[in-house]
Amino acid sequence: PPATPSDPEPTPTGTDGSDGSDGPADDPLAALDPCAMV
């Protein structure tokens, strides 16, 4: 019988709906350096 494609691997998500990285994907503070804010 024709091969049935296997189910795709689930995409890992991070704590905040991320792509599996440690930090949130939509972190609005990611670009900020806390030592450069003042």
Full PDB file with SEQRES, HELIX, SHEET, SSBOND, CRYST1, ORIGX, SCALE, CONECT and MASTER records, all heavy atoms in Angstrom:
SEQRES   1 A   38  PRO PRO ALA THR PRO SER ASP PRO GLU PRO THR PRO THR          
SEQRES   2 A   38  GLY THR ASP GLY SER ASP GLY SER ASP GLY PRO ALA ASP          
SEQRES   3 A   38  ASP PRO LEU ALA ALA LEU ASP PRO CYS ALA MET VAL              
HELIX    1 AA1 PRO A   34  ALA A   36  5                                   3    
CRYST1    1.000    1.000    1.000  90.00  90.00  90.00 P 1           1          
ORIGX1      1.000000  0.000000  0.000000        0.00000                         
ORIGX2      0.000000  1.000000  0.000000        0.00000                         
ORIGX3      0.000000  0.000000  1.000000        0.00000                         
SCALE1      1.000000  0.000000  0.000000        0.00000                         
SCALE2      0.000000  1.000000  0.000000        0.00000                         
SCALE3      0.000000  0.000000  1.000000        0.00000                         
ATOM      1  N   PRO A   1       0.836  -1.204   0.000  1.00  0.00           N  
ATOM      2  CA  PRO A   1       0.000   0.000   0.000  1.00  0.00           C  
ATOM      3  C   PRO A   1       0.865   1.245   0.000  1.00  0.00           C  
ATOM      4  O   PRO A   1       1.982   1.240   0.482  1.00  0.00           O  
ATOM      5  CB  PRO A   1      -0.802  -0.123   1.312  1.00  0.00           C  
ATOM      6  CG  PRO A   1       0.000  -1.046   2.157  1.00  0.00           C  
ATOM      7  CD  PRO A   1       0.695  -1.976   1.223  1.00  0.00           C  
ATOM      8  N   PRO A   2       0.357   2.354  -0.577  1.00  0.00           N  
ATOM      9  CA  PRO A   2       1.158   3.577  -0.628  1.00  0.00           C  
ATOM     10  C   PRO A   2       1.568   4.029   0.756  1.00  0.00           C  
ATOM     11  O   PRO A   2       0.801   3.917   1.707  1.00  0.00           O  
ATOM     12  CB  PRO A   2       0.227   4.590  -1.297  1.00  0.00           C  
ATOM     13  CG  PRO A   2      -1.144   4.015  -1.139  1.00  0.00           C  
ATOM     14  CD  PRO A   2      -0.978   2.539  -1.119  1.00  0.00           C  
ATOM     15  N   ALA A   3       2.790   4.509   0.798  1.00  0.00           N  
ATOM     16  CA  ALA A   3       3.304   4.938   2.106  1.00  0.00           C  
ATOM     17  C   ALA A   3       2.508   6.119   2.623  1.00  0.00           C  
ATOM     18  O   ALA A   3       2.160   7.028   1.878  1.00  0.00           O  
ATOM     19  CB  ALA A   3       4.767   5.315   1.973  1.00  0.00           C  
ATOM     20  N   THR A   4       2.204   6.075   3.879  1.00  0.00           N  
ATOM     21  CA  THR A   4       1.484   7.179   4.512  1.00  0.00           C  
ATOM     22  C   THR A   4       2.495   8.074   5.204  1.00  0.00           C  
ATOM     23  O   THR A   4       3.294   7.608   5.993  1.00  0.00           O  
ATOM     24  CB  THR A   4       0.493   6.644   5.562  1.00  0.00           C  
ATOM     25  OG1 THR A   4      -0.384   5.734   4.918  1.00  0.00           O  
ATOM     26  CG2 THR A   4      -0.292   7.786   6.196  1.00  0.00           C  
ATOM     27  N   PRO A   5       2.512   9.374   4.869  1.00  0.00           N  
ATOM     28  CA  PRO A   5       3.506  10.231   5.518  1.00  0.00           C  
ATOM     29  C   PRO A   5       3.333  10.249   7.020  1.00  0.00           C  
ATOM     30  O   PRO A   5       2.217  10.276   7.523  1.00  0.00           O  
ATOM     31  CB  PRO A   5       3.235  11.616   4.905  1.00  0.00           C  
ATOM     32  CG  PRO A   5       1.902  11.509   4.237  1.00  0.00           C  
ATOM     33  CD  PRO A   5       1.626  10.063   3.986  1.00  0.00           C  
ATOM     34  N   SER A   6       4.455  10.218   7.701  1.00  0.00           N  
ATOM     35  CA  SER A   6       4.384  10.206   9.156  1.00  0.00           C  
ATOM     36  C   SER A   6       3.926  11.569   9.653  1.00  0.00           C  
ATOM     37  O   SER A   6       4.094  12.577   8.982  1.00  0.00           O  
ATOM     38  CB  SER A   6       5.755   9.873   9.750  1.00  0.00           C  
ATOM     39  OG  SER A   6       6.697  10.800   9.288  1.00  0.00           O  
ATOM     40  N   ASP A   7       3.370  11.560  10.840  1.00  0.00           N  
ATOM     41  CA  ASP A   7       2.908  12.825  11.413  1.00  0.00           C  
ATOM     42  C   ASP A   7       4.094  13.747  11.622  1.00  0.00           C  
ATOM     43  O   ASP A   7       5.150  13.328  12.065  1.00  0.00           O  
ATOM     44  CB  ASP A   7       2.228  12.568  12.770  1.00  0.00           C  
ATOM     45  CG  ASP A   7       0.936  11.797  12.590  1.00  0.00           C  
ATOM     46  OD1 ASP A   7       0.368  11.886  11.485  1.00  0.00           O  
ATOM     47  OD2 ASP A   7       0.520  11.115  13.541  1.00  0.00           O  
ATOM     48  N   PRO A   8       3.939  15.044  11.302  1.00  0.00           N  
ATOM     49  CA  PRO A   8       5.060  15.961  11.504  1.00  0.00           C  
ATOM     50  C   PRO A   8       5.402  16.103  12.972  1.00  0.00           C  
ATOM     51  O   PRO A   8       4.537  16.000  13.828  1.00  0.00           O  
ATOM     52  CB  PRO A   8       4.531  17.286  10.930  1.00  0.00           C  
ATOM     53  CG  PRO A   8       3.041  17.150  10.982  1.00  0.00           C  
ATOM     54  CD  PRO A   8       2.750  15.687  10.806  1.00  0.00           C  
ATOM     55  N   GLU A   9       6.682  16.337  13.222  1.00  0.00           N  
ATOM     56  CA  GLU A   9       7.122  16.531  14.595  1.00  0.00           C  
ATOM     57  C   GLU A   9       6.523  17.822  15.133  1.00  0.00           C  
ATOM     58  O   GLU A   9       6.457  18.821  14.433  1.00  0.00           O  
ATOM     59  CB  GLU A   9       8.648  16.622  14.653  1.00  0.00           C  
ATOM     60  CG  GLU A   9       9.350  15.320  14.349  1.00  0.00           C  
ATOM     61  CD  GLU A   9       9.097  14.269  15.399  1.00  0.00           C  
ATOM     62  OE1 GLU A   9       8.922  14.644  16.564  1.00  0.00           O  
ATOM     63  OE2 GLU A   9       9.036  13.086  15.063  1.00  0.00           O  
ATOM     64  N   PRO A  10       6.049  17.815  16.384  1.00  0.00           N  
ATOM     65  CA  PRO A  10       5.520  19.066  16.929  1.00  0.00           C  
ATOM     66  C   PRO A  10       6.606  20.112  17.056  1.00  0.00           C  
ATOM     67  O   PRO A  10       7.748  19.809  17.332  1.00  0.00           O  
ATOM     68  CB  PRO A  10       4.995  18.643  18.321  1.00  0.00           C  
ATOM     69  CG  PRO A  10       5.750  17.403  18.647  1.00  0.00           C  
ATOM     70  CD  PRO A  10       6.034  16.725  17.344  1.00  0.00           C  
ATOM     71  N   THR A  11       6.216  21.370  16.782  1.00  0.00           N  
ATOM     72  CA  THR A  11       7.167  22.463  16.916  1.00  0.00           C  
ATOM     73  C   THR A  11       7.289  22.840  18.373  1.00  0.00           C  
ATOM     74  O   THR A  11       6.301  23.143  19.019  1.00  0.00           O  
ATOM     75  CB  THR A  11       6.674  23.677  16.105  1.00  0.00           C  
ATOM     76  OG1 THR A  11       6.505  23.282  14.751  1.00  0.00           O  
ATOM     77  CG2 THR A  11       7.670  24.827  16.208  1.00  0.00           C  
ATOM     78  N   PRO A  12       8.532  22.768  18.874  1.00  0.00           N  
ATOM     79  CA  PRO A  12       8.669  23.118  20.288  1.00  0.00           C  
ATOM     80  C   PRO A  12       8.361  24.580  20.530  1.00  0.00           C  
ATOM     81  O   PRO A  12       8.648  25.427  19.716  1.00  0.00           O  
ATOM     82  CB  PRO A  12      10.149  22.808  20.568  1.00  0.00           C  
ATOM     83  CG  PRO A  12      10.809  22.853  19.236  1.00  0.00           C  
ATOM     84  CD  PRO A  12       9.776  22.457  18.226  1.00  0.00           C  
ATOM     85  N   THR A  13       7.772  24.800  21.576  1.00  0.00           N  
ATOM     86  CA  THR A  13       7.508  26.172  21.945  1.00  0.00           C  
ATOM     87  C   THR A  13       8.089  26.438  23.313  1.00  0.00           C  
ATOM     88  O   THR A  13       8.199  25.550  24.138  1.00  0.00           O  
ATOM     89  CB  THR A  13       6.006  26.440  21.972  1.00  0.00           C  
ATOM     90  OG1 THR A  13       5.381  25.526  22.856  1.00  0.00           O  
ATOM     91  CG2 THR A  13       5.410  26.275  20.589  1.00  0.00           C  
ATOM     92  N   GLY A  14       8.429  27.676  23.491  1.00  0.00           N  
ATOM     93  CA  GLY A  14       8.987  28.055  24.747  1.00  0.00           C  
ATOM     94  C   GLY A  14       7.962  28.390  25.760  1.00  0.00           C  
ATOM     95  O   GLY A  14       6.771  28.225  25.532  1.00  0.00           O  
ATOM     96  N   THR A  15       8.419  28.860  26.902  1.00  0.00           N  
ATOM     97  CA  THR A  15       7.496  29.163  28.003  1.00  0.00           C  
ATOM     98  C   THR A  15       6.438  30.146  27.581  1.00  0.00           C  
ATOM     99  O   THR A  15       5.296  30.082  28.012  1.00  0.00           O  
ATOM    100  CB  THR A  15       8.297  29.817  29.145  1.00  0.00           C  
ATOM    101  OG1 THR A  15       9.576  29.249  29.168  1.00  0.00           O  
ATOM    102  CG2 THR A  15       7.621  29.614  30.470  1.00  0.00           C  
ATOM    103  N   ASP A  16       6.816  31.121  26.737  1.00  0.00           N  
ATOM    104  CA  ASP A  16       5.890  32.172  26.391  1.00  0.00           C  
ATOM    105  C   ASP A  16       5.387  32.025  24.976  1.00  0.00           C  
ATOM    106  O   ASP A  16       5.104  32.991  24.316  1.00  0.00           O  
ATOM    107  CB  ASP A  16       6.586  33.522  26.537  1.00  0.00           C  
ATOM    108  CG  ASP A  16       7.855  33.396  27.321  1.00  0.00           C  
ATOM    109  OD1 ASP A  16       7.828  33.351  28.514  1.00  0.00           O  
ATOM    110  OD2 ASP A  16       8.888  33.317  26.736  1.00  0.00           O  
ATOM    111  N   GLY A  17       5.247  30.835  24.540  1.00  0.00           N  
ATOM    112  CA  GLY A  17       4.821  30.656  23.178  1.00  0.00           C  
ATOM    113  C   GLY A  17       5.968  30.882  22.228  1.00  0.00           C  
ATOM    114  O   GLY A  17       5.763  31.349  21.123  1.00  0.00           O  
ATOM    115  N   SER A  18       7.131  30.480  22.628  1.00  0.00           N  
ATOM    116  CA  SER A  18       8.270  30.723  21.850  1.00  0.00           C  
ATOM    117  C   SER A  18       8.602  29.592  20.971  1.00  0.00           C  
ATOM    118  O   SER A  18       7.929  28.595  20.940  1.00  0.00           O  
ATOM    119  CB  SER A  18       9.468  31.030  22.690  1.00  0.00           C  
ATOM    120  OG  SER A  18      10.043  29.852  23.190  1.00  0.00           O  
ATOM    121  N   ASP A  19       9.796  29.686  20.253  1.00  0.00           N  
ATOM    122  CA  ASP A  19      10.208  28.654  19.331  1.00  0.00           C  
ATOM    123  C   ASP A  19      11.124  27.626  19.945  1.00  0.00           C  
ATOM    124  O   ASP A  19      11.867  26.935  19.261  1.00  0.00           O  
ATOM    125  CB  ASP A  19      10.903  29.312  18.155  1.00  0.00           C  
ATOM    126  CG  ASP A  19      12.032  30.177  18.633  1.00  0.00           C  
ATOM    127  OD1 ASP A  19      12.225  30.248  19.852  1.00  0.00           O  
ATOM    128  OD2 ASP A  19      12.711  30.768  17.798  1.00  0.00           O  
ATOM    129  N   GLY A  20      11.077  27.445  21.265  1.00  0.00           N  
ATOM    130  CA  GLY A  20      11.928  26.506  21.919  1.00  0.00           C  
ATOM    131  C   GLY A  20      13.146  27.076  22.540  1.00  0.00           C  
ATOM    132  O   GLY A  20      13.909  26.402  23.212  1.00  0.00           O  
ATOM    133  N   SER A  21      13.368  28.369  22.351  1.00  0.00           N  
ATOM    134  CA  SER A  21      14.475  28.972  23.012  1.00  0.00           C  
ATOM    135  C   SER A  21      14.161  29.223  24.455  1.00  0.00           C  
ATOM    136  O   SER A  21      13.035  29.118  24.889  1.00  0.00           O  
ATOM    137  CB  SER A  21      14.860  30.281  22.341  1.00  0.00           C  
ATOM    138  OG  SER A  21      13.739  31.148  22.385  1.00  0.00           O  
ATOM    139  N   ASP A  22      15.230  29.646  25.224  1.00  0.00           N  
ATOM    140  CA  ASP A  22      15.035  29.798  26.653  1.00  0.00           C  
ATOM    141  C   ASP A  22      14.119  30.964  26.987  1.00  0.00           C  
ATOM    142  O   ASP A  22      13.373  30.922  27.951  1.00  0.00           O  
ATOM    143  CB  ASP A  22      16.382  29.996  27.354  1.00  0.00           C  
ATOM    144  CG  ASP A  22      17.197  28.734  27.300  1.00  0.00           C  
ATOM    145  OD1 ASP A  22      16.590  27.666  27.132  1.00  0.00           O  
ATOM    146  OD2 ASP A  22      18.429  28.804  27.412  1.00  0.00           O  
ATOM    147  N   GLY A  23      14.220  32.062  26.217  1.00  0.00           N  
ATOM    148  CA  GLY A  23      13.437  33.241  26.542  1.00  0.00           C  
ATOM    149  C   GLY A  23      12.196  33.333  25.691  1.00  0.00           C  
ATOM    150  O   GLY A  23      12.041  32.625  24.707  1.00  0.00           O  
ATOM    151  N   PRO A  24      11.248  34.248  26.066  1.00  0.00           N  
ATOM    152  CA  PRO A  24      10.043  34.411  25.285  1.00  0.00           C  
ATOM    153  C   PRO A  24      10.330  34.953  23.902  1.00  0.00           C  
ATOM    154  O   PRO A  24      11.188  35.809  23.733  1.00  0.00           O  
ATOM    155  CB  PRO A  24       9.204  35.393  26.106  1.00  0.00           C  
ATOM    156  CG  PRO A  24      10.071  35.893  27.190  1.00  0.00           C  
ATOM    157  CD  PRO A  24      11.310  35.057  27.252  1.00  0.00           C  
ATOM    158  N   ALA A  25       9.566  34.471  22.919  1.00  0.00           N  
ATOM    159  CA  ALA A  25       9.782  34.924  21.555  1.00  0.00           C  
ATOM    160  C   ALA A  25       9.353  36.367  21.372  1.00  0.00           C  
ATOM    161  O   ALA A  25       9.868  37.060  20.506  1.00  0.00           O  
ATOM    162  CB  ALA A  25       9.025  34.025  20.586  1.00  0.00           C  
ATOM    163  N   ASP A  26       8.372  36.870  22.149  1.00  0.00           N  
ATOM    164  CA  ASP A  26       7.854  38.220  21.972  1.00  0.00           C  
ATOM    165  C   ASP A  26       8.278  39.133  23.113  1.00  0.00           C  
ATOM    166  O   ASP A  26       7.542  40.036  23.497  1.00  0.00           O  
ATOM    167  CB  ASP A  26       6.332  38.180  21.855  1.00  0.00           C  
ATOM    168  CG  ASP A  26       5.681  37.512  23.063  1.00  0.00           C  
ATOM    169  OD1 ASP A  26       6.421  36.932  23.879  1.00  0.00           O  
ATOM    170  OD2 ASP A  26       4.437  37.578  23.185  1.00  0.00           O  
ATOM    171  N   ASP A  27       9.456  38.940  23.665  1.00  0.00           N  
ATOM    172  CA  ASP A  27       9.954  39.744  24.769  1.00  0.00           C  
ATOM    173  C   ASP A  27      10.242  41.162  24.272  1.00  0.00           C  
ATOM    174  O   ASP A  27      11.179  41.383  23.504  1.00  0.00           O  
ATOM    175  CB  ASP A  27      11.222  39.098  25.335  1.00  0.00           C  
ATOM    176  CG  ASP A  27      11.852  39.921  26.454  1.00  0.00           C  
ATOM    177  OD1 ASP A  27      11.264  40.940  26.854  1.00  0.00           O  
ATOM    178  OD2 ASP A  27      12.941  39.527  26.930  1.00  0.00           O  
ATOM    179  N   PRO A  28       9.454  42.152  24.697  1.00  0.00           N  
ATOM    180  CA  PRO A  28       9.687  43.516  24.210  1.00  0.00           C  
ATOM    181  C   PRO A  28      10.921  44.166  24.823  1.00  0.00           C  
ATOM    182  O   PRO A  28      11.336  45.240  24.382  1.00  0.00           O  
ATOM    183  CB  PRO A  28       8.412  44.251  24.639  1.00  0.00           C  
ATOM    184  CG  PRO A  28       7.942  43.524  25.845  1.00  0.00           C  
ATOM    185  CD  PRO A  28       8.314  42.081  25.632  1.00  0.00           C  
ATOM    186  N   LEU A  29      11.496  43.519  25.837  1.00  0.00           N  
ATOM    187  CA  LEU A  29      12.671  44.078  26.498  1.00  0.00           C  
ATOM    188  C   LEU A  29      13.972  43.429  26.032  1.00  0.00           C  
ATOM    189  O   LEU A  29      15.046  43.763  26.537  1.00  0.00           O  
ATOM    190  CB  LEU A  29      12.545  43.907  28.019  1.00  0.00           C  
ATOM    191  CG  LEU A  29      11.245  44.423  28.656  1.00  0.00           C  
ATOM    192  CD1 LEU A  29      11.267  44.203  30.164  1.00  0.00           C  
ATOM    193  CD2 LEU A  29      11.028  45.894  28.334  1.00  0.00           C  
ATOM    194  N   ALA A  30      13.876  42.499  25.080  1.00  0.00           N  
ATOM    195  CA  ALA A  30      15.048  41.710  24.680  1.00  0.00           C  
ATOM    196  C   ALA A  30      16.186  42.590  24.164  1.00  0.00           C  
ATOM    197  O   ALA A  30      17.362  42.271  24.354  1.00  0.00           O  
ATOM    198  CB  ALA A  30      14.646  40.683  23.632  1.00  0.00           C  
ATOM    199  N   ALA A  31      15.850  43.689  23.498  1.00  0.00           N  
ATOM    200  CA  ALA A  31      16.891  44.528  22.913  1.00  0.00           C  
ATOM    201  C   ALA A  31      17.499  45.507  23.907  1.00  0.00           C  
ATOM    202  O   ALA A  31      18.471  46.196  23.578  1.00  0.00           O  
ATOM    203  CB  ALA A  31      16.327  45.292  21.716  1.00  0.00           C  
ATOM    204  N   LEU A  32      16.949  45.590  25.102  1.00  0.00           N  
ATOM    205  CA  LEU A  32      17.432  46.571  26.079  1.00  0.00           C  
ATOM    206  C   LEU A  32      18.602  46.021  26.887  1.00  0.00           C  
ATOM    207  O   LEU A  32      18.583  44.877  27.322  1.00  0.00           O  
ATOM    208  CB  LEU A  32      16.303  46.975  27.028  1.00  0.00           C  
ATOM    209  CG  LEU A  32      15.148  47.781  26.436  1.00  0.00           C  
ATOM    210  CD1 LEU A  32      14.116  48.085  27.527  1.00  0.00           C  
ATOM    211  CD2 LEU A  32      15.662  49.075  25.814  1.00  0.00           C  
ATOM    212  N   ASP A  33      19.590  46.861  27.096  1.00  0.00           N  
ATOM    213  CA  ASP A  33      20.701  46.562  27.991  1.00  0.00           C  
ATOM    214  C   ASP A  33      20.412  47.284  29.308  1.00  0.00           C  
ATOM    215  O   ASP A  33      20.351  48.527  29.327  1.00  0.00           O  
ATOM    216  CB  ASP A  33      22.009  47.064  27.385  1.00  0.00           C  
ATOM    217  CG  ASP A  33      23.213  46.855  28.298  1.00  0.00           C  
ATOM    218  OD1 ASP A  33      23.027  46.395  29.453  1.00  0.00           O  
ATOM    219  OD2 ASP A  33      24.334  47.181  27.858  1.00  0.00           O  
ATOM    220  N   PRO A  34      20.199  46.569  30.401  1.00  0.00           N  
ATOM    221  CA  PRO A  34      19.840  47.256  31.644  1.00  0.00           C  
ATOM    222  C   PRO A  34      20.900  48.239  32.120  1.00  0.00           C  
ATOM    223  O   PRO A  34      20.581  49.189  32.845  1.00  0.00           O  
ATOM    224  CB  PRO A  34      19.639  46.106  32.642  1.00  0.00           C  
ATOM    225  CG  PRO A  34      20.354  44.941  32.060  1.00  0.00           C  
ATOM    226  CD  PRO A  34      20.280  45.112  30.580  1.00  0.00           C  
ATOM    227  N   CYS A  35      22.138  48.045  31.704  1.00  0.00           N  
ATOM    228  CA  CYS A  35      23.205  48.962  32.113  1.00  0.00           C  
ATOM    229  C   CYS A  35      23.329  50.176  31.189  1.00  0.00           C  
ATOM    230  O   CYS A  35      24.182  51.048  31.420  1.00  0.00           O  
ATOM    231  CB  CYS A  35      24.542  48.226  32.166  1.00  0.00           C  
ATOM    232  SG  CYS A  35      24.672  47.052  33.541  1.00  0.00           S  
ATOM    233  N   ALA A  36      22.504  50.235  30.138  1.00  0.00           N  
ATOM    234  CA  ALA A  36      22.570  51.366  29.206  1.00  0.00           C  
ATOM    235  C   ALA A  36      21.284  52.186  29.207  1.00  0.00           C  
ATOM    236  O   ALA A  36      21.135  53.088  28.384  1.00  0.00           O  
ATOM    237  CB  ALA A  36      22.864  50.849  27.798  1.00  0.00           C  
ATOM    238  N   MET A  37      20.365  51.890  30.111  1.00  0.00           N  
ATOM    239  CA  MET A  37      19.079  52.594  30.107  1.00  0.00           C  
ATOM    240  C   MET A  37      19.173  53.988  30.723  1.00  0.00           C  
ATOM    241  O   MET A  37      18.356  54.860  30.427  1.00  0.00           O  
ATOM    242  CB  MET A  37      18.034  51.756  30.846  1.00  0.00           C  
ATOM    243  CG  MET A  37      17.737  50.427  30.159  1.00  0.00           C  
ATOM    244  SD  MET A  37      16.464  49.452  30.993  1.00  0.00           S  
ATOM    245  CE  MET A  37      15.006  50.455  30.664  1.00  0.00           C  
ATOM    246  N   VAL A  38      20.136  54.195  31.586  1.00  0.00           N  
ATOM    247  CA  VAL A  38      20.366  55.511  32.186  1.00  0.00           C  
ATOM    248  C   VAL A  38      21.766  55.966  31.773  1.00  0.00           C  
ATOM    249  O   VAL A  38      22.747  55.240  31.979  1.00  0.00           O  
ATOM    250  CB  VAL A  38      20.242  55.458  33.724  1.00  0.00           C  
ATOM    251  CG1 VAL A  38      20.445  56.854  34.312  1.00  0.00           C  
ATOM    252  CG2 VAL A  38      18.887  54.898  34.138  1.00  0.00           C  
TER     253      VAL A  38                                                      
MASTER        0    0    0    1    0    0    0    6  252    1    0    3          
END                                                                             
